[in-house]
C-alpha atoms as a PDB file:
ATOM      1  CA  MET A   1       0.000   0.000   0.000  1.00  0.00           C
ATOM      2  CA  PRO A   2       1.448   3.448  -0.946  1.00  0.00           C
ATOM      3  CA  LYS A   3       2.585   5.723   1.841  1.00  0.00           C
ATOM      4  CA  ALA A   4       0.352   8.788   2.420  1.00  0.00           C
ATOM      5  CA  CYS A   5       1.934  12.088   1.463  1.00  0.00           C
ATOM      6  CA  GLY A   6       1.586  15.357   3.331  1.00  0.00           C
ATOM      7  CA  PRO A   7       0.395  18.593   1.780  1.00  0.00           C
ATOM      8  CA  LEU A   8       2.341  19.930  -1.194  1.00  0.00           C
ATOM      9  CA  ASN A   9       4.745  22.743  -0.414  1.00  0.00           C
ATOM     10  CA  ILE A  10       4.634  25.071  -3.407  1.00  0.00           C
ATOM     11  CA  LEU A  11       6.684  28.263  -3.446  1.00  0.00           C
ATOM     12  CA  GLY A  12       4.851  31.521  -3.886  1.00  0.00           C
ATOM     13  CA  SER A  13       1.446  32.687  -2.845  1.00  0.00           C
ATOM     14  CA  ARG A  14      -1.752  34.084  -4.282  1.00  0.00           C
ATOM     15  CA  PRO A  15      -2.150  36.472  -5.844  1.00  0.00           C
ATOM     16  CA  TYR A  16       1.011  35.610  -7.679  1.00  0.00           C
ATOM     17  CA  LYS A  17       1.707  39.221  -8.569  1.00  0.00           C
ATOM     18  CA  GLN A  18       0.179  42.247  -6.895  1.00  0.00           C
ATOM     19  CA  PRO A  19      -0.719  44.852  -9.531  1.00  0.00           C
ATOM     20  CA  GLU A  20       1.124  48.127  -9.044  1.00  0.00           C
ATOM     21  CA  ASN A  21      -2.128  50.053  -9.340  1.00  0.00           C
ATOM     22  CA  LEU A  22      -4.122  47.807  -6.969  1.00  0.00           C
ATOM     23  CA  TYR A  23      -5.464  50.797  -5.025  1.00  0.00           C
ATOM     24  CA  LYS A  24      -6.852  52.403  -8.193  1.00  0.00           C
ATOM     25  CA  MET A  25      -8.377  49.091  -9.291  1.00  0.00           C
ATOM     26  CA  LYS A  26     -10.145  48.677  -5.940  1.00  0.00           C
ATOM     27  CA  LYS A  27     -11.467  52.244  -6.058  1.00  0.00           C
ATOM     28  CA  ALA A  28     -12.773  51.667  -9.584  1.00  0.00           C
ATOM     29  CA  ARG A  29     -14.509  48.464  -8.532  1.00  0.00           C
ATOM     30  CA  GLU A  30     -16.408  50.345  -5.833  1.00  0.00           C
ATOM     31  CA  THR A  31     -18.333  52.185  -8.558  1.00  0.00           C
ATOM     32  CA  THR A  32     -18.014  49.954 -11.630  1.00  0.00           C
ATOM     33  CA  ALA A  33     -18.958  46.296 -11.869  1.00  0.00           C
ATOM     34  CA  PHE A  34     -16.023  45.057 -13.938  1.00  0.00           C
ATOM     35  CA  THR A  35     -17.127  41.454 -13.523  1.00  0.00           C
ATOM     36  CA  PRO A  36     -19.142  39.177 -15.791  1.00  0.00           C
ATOM     37  CA  GLU A  37     -22.862  39.634 -15.238  1.00  0.00           C
ATOM     38  CA  PRO A  38     -25.045  36.523 -15.040  1.00  0.00           C
ATOM     39  CA  ASP A  39     -28.140  36.253 -17.230  1.00  0.00           C
ATOM     40  CA  THR A  40     -30.554  34.641 -14.778  1.00  0.00           C
ATOM     41  CA  GLU A  41     -32.967  33.642 -17.541  1.00  0.00           C
ATOM     42  CA  ARG A  42     -30.304  31.652 -19.423  1.00  0.00           C
ATOM     43  CA  CYS A  43     -28.395  30.270 -16.432  1.00  0.00           C
ATOM     44  CA  THR A  44     -29.220  26.649 -15.575  1.00  0.00           C
ATOM     45  CA  GLN A  45     -27.078  26.601 -12.383  1.00  0.00           C
ATOM     46  CA  CYS A  46     -24.929  23.803 -13.876  1.00  0.00           C
ATOM     47  CA  GLY A  47     -21.902  25.023 -11.878  1.00  0.00           C
ATOM     48  CA  ILE A  48     -19.337  24.799 -14.687  1.00  0.00           C
ATOM     49  CA  CYS A  49     -18.407  28.470 -14.224  1.00  0.00           C
ATOM     50  CA  ALA A  50     -17.778  27.967 -10.512  1.00  0.00           C
ATOM     51  CA  ASP A  51     -15.627  24.911 -11.256  1.00  0.00           C
ATOM     52  CA  VAL A  52     -13.386  26.746 -13.741  1.00  0.00           C
ATOM     53  CA  CYS A  53     -12.984  29.962 -11.728  1.00  0.00           C
ATOM     54  CA  PRO A  54      -9.336  29.970 -10.543  1.00  0.00           C
ATOM     55  CA  GLU A  55     -10.072  32.338  -7.635  1.00  0.00           C
ATOM     56  CA  ALA A  56     -13.350  30.768  -6.408  1.00  0.00           C
ATOM     57  CA  ALA A  57     -15.096  34.090  -7.035  1.00  0.00           C
ATOM     58  CA  ILE A  58     -18.321  32.324  -8.067  1.00  0.00           C
ATOM     59  CA  ASP A  59     -20.504  30.783  -5.365  1.00  0.00           C
ATOM     60  CA  ALA A  60     -20.955  27.078  -6.181  1.00  0.00           C
ATOM     61  CA  CYS A  61     -24.399  27.048  -4.551  1.00  0.00           C
ATOM     62  CA  ASP A  62     -25.622  30.129  -6.449  1.00  0.00           C
ATOM     63  CA  VAL A  63     -23.562  30.728  -9.588  1.00  0.00           C
ATOM     64  CA  THR A  64     -25.282  34.055 -10.197  1.00  0.00           C
ATOM     65  CA  ASP A  65     -23.388  35.379  -7.139  1.00  0.00           C
ATOM     66  CA  ILE A  66     -19.935  36.625  -8.228  1.00  0.00           C
ATOM     67  CA  ASP A  67     -17.537  38.216  -5.738  1.00  0.00           C
ATOM     68  CA  ARG A  68     -16.234  41.224  -7.659  1.00  0.00           C
ATOM     69  CA  TRP A  69     -13.308  41.595  -5.232  1.00  0.00           C
ATOM     70  CA  LYS A  70     -12.025  38.083  -5.973  1.00  0.00           C
ATOM     71  CA  CYS A  71     -12.685  38.123  -9.737  1.00  0.00           C
ATOM     72  CA  ILE A  72      -9.465  38.581 -11.733  1.00  0.00           C
ATOM     73  CA  LEU A  73     -11.248  39.040 -15.079  1.00  0.00           C
ATOM     74  CA  CYS A  74      -9.808  35.903 -16.659  1.00  0.00           C
ATOM     75  CA  PHE A  75     -13.194  35.254 -18.343  1.00  0.00           C
ATOM     76  CA  ALA A  76     -12.938  31.504 -17.797  1.00  0.00           C
ATOM     77  CA  CYS A  77     -16.583  31.552 -16.690  1.00  0.00           C
ATOM     78  CA  VAL A  78     -17.664  33.429 -19.832  1.00  0.00           C
ATOM     79  CA  LYS A  79     -15.751  31.054 -22.116  1.00  0.00           C
ATOM     80  CA  SER A  80     -16.941  27.870 -20.411  1.00  0.00           C
ATOM     81  CA  CYS A  81     -20.667  28.624 -20.022  1.00  0.00           C
ATOM     82  CA  PRO A  82     -22.625  26.309 -22.356  1.00  0.00           C
ATOM     83  CA  GLU A  83     -25.678  28.601 -22.130  1.00  0.00           C
ATOM     84  CA  GLN A  84     -23.728  31.846 -22.711  1.00  0.00           C
ATOM     85  CA  ALA A  85     -25.232  33.149 -19.487  1.00  0.00           C
ATOM     86  CA  LYS A  86     -22.185  35.180 -18.361  1.00  0.00           C
ATOM     87  CA  ASN A  87     -21.425  38.418 -20.205  1.00  0.00           C
ATOM     88  CA  MET A  88     -19.772  41.768 -19.713  1.00  0.00           C
ATOM     89  CA  THR A  89     -22.485  44.425 -19.734  1.00  0.00           C
ATOM     90  CA  ASP A  90     -20.700  47.435 -18.224  1.00  0.00           C
ATOM     91  CA  GLN A  91     -20.552  50.271 -20.784  1.00  0.00           C
ATOM     92  CA  ASN A  92     -17.050  51.340 -19.699  1.00  0.00           C
ATOM     93  CA  PHE A  93     -15.758  47.820 -20.273  1.00  0.00           C
ATOM     94  CA  ASN A  94     -17.429  47.548 -23.668  1.00  0.00           C
ATOM     95  CA  ALA A  95     -15.994  50.941 -24.681  1.00  0.00           C
ATOM     96  CA  ALA A  96     -12.486  49.777 -23.702  1.00  0.00           C
ATOM     97  CA  VAL A  97     -12.933  46.607 -25.756  1.00  0.00           C
ATOM     98  CA  GLY A  98     -13.944  48.729 -28.731  1.00  0.00           C
ATOM     99  CA  GLN A  99     -10.858  50.915 -28.360  1.00  0.00           C
ATOM    100  CA  LEU A 100      -8.599  47.864 -28.126  1.00  0.00           C
ATOM    101  CA  ALA A 101     -10.212  46.269 -31.170  1.00  0.00           C
ATOM    102  CA  GLU A 102      -9.592  49.444 -33.143  1.00  0.00           C
ATOM    103  CA  ALA A 103      -6.000  49.737 -31.908  1.00  0.00           C
ATOM    104  CA  ILE A 104      -5.033  46.215 -33.014  1.00  0.00           C
ATOM    105  CA  GLN A 105      -6.223  46.643 -36.594  1.00  0.00           C
ATOM    106  CA  SER A 106      -2.819  47.801 -37.816  1.00  0.00           C
ATOM    107  CA  ARG A 107       0.329  45.782 -37.247  1.00  0.00           C
ATOM    108  CA  LYS A 108       3.001  47.311 -35.062  1.00  0.00           C
ATOM    109  CA  GLU A 109       6.552  46.308 -35.904  1.00  0.00           C
ATOM    110  CA  PRO A 110       8.660  45.042 -33.020  1.00  0.00           C
ATOM    111  CA  ALA A 111      11.290  47.406 -31.662  1.00  0.00           C
ATOM    112  CA  LEU A 112      14.676  46.582 -30.161  1.00  0.00           C
ATOM    113  CA  PHE A 113      15.997  48.742 -27.333  1.00  0.00           C
ATOM    114  CA  LEU A 114      19.630  48.515 -26.249  1.00  0.00           C
ATOM    115  CA  THR A 115      20.940  50.225 -23.165  1.00  0.00           C
END
């Protein structure tokens, strides 16, 4: 019979990297819901989104409850939802996506910087 192992000792901690502008991000989240919004009419409470969330920001018992302070905007829940019941609805977010989509239309050549 195999010998039982203890808990894994993995270097590092979560979050793996603290954003430099964490204070500004937290202030913005007080007024703006930069998290995926659940569509309660489409959601079947299957729990796939809660399973794939790397930060456990989605309540497994009620997947329409998302902790906006834990959410890291990886969009795993949006990508994995078979009913497409998680979406970004905030106008500021959608405007930023539009600006990014416009900005990536033309190729930028790589630059080499030597010091």
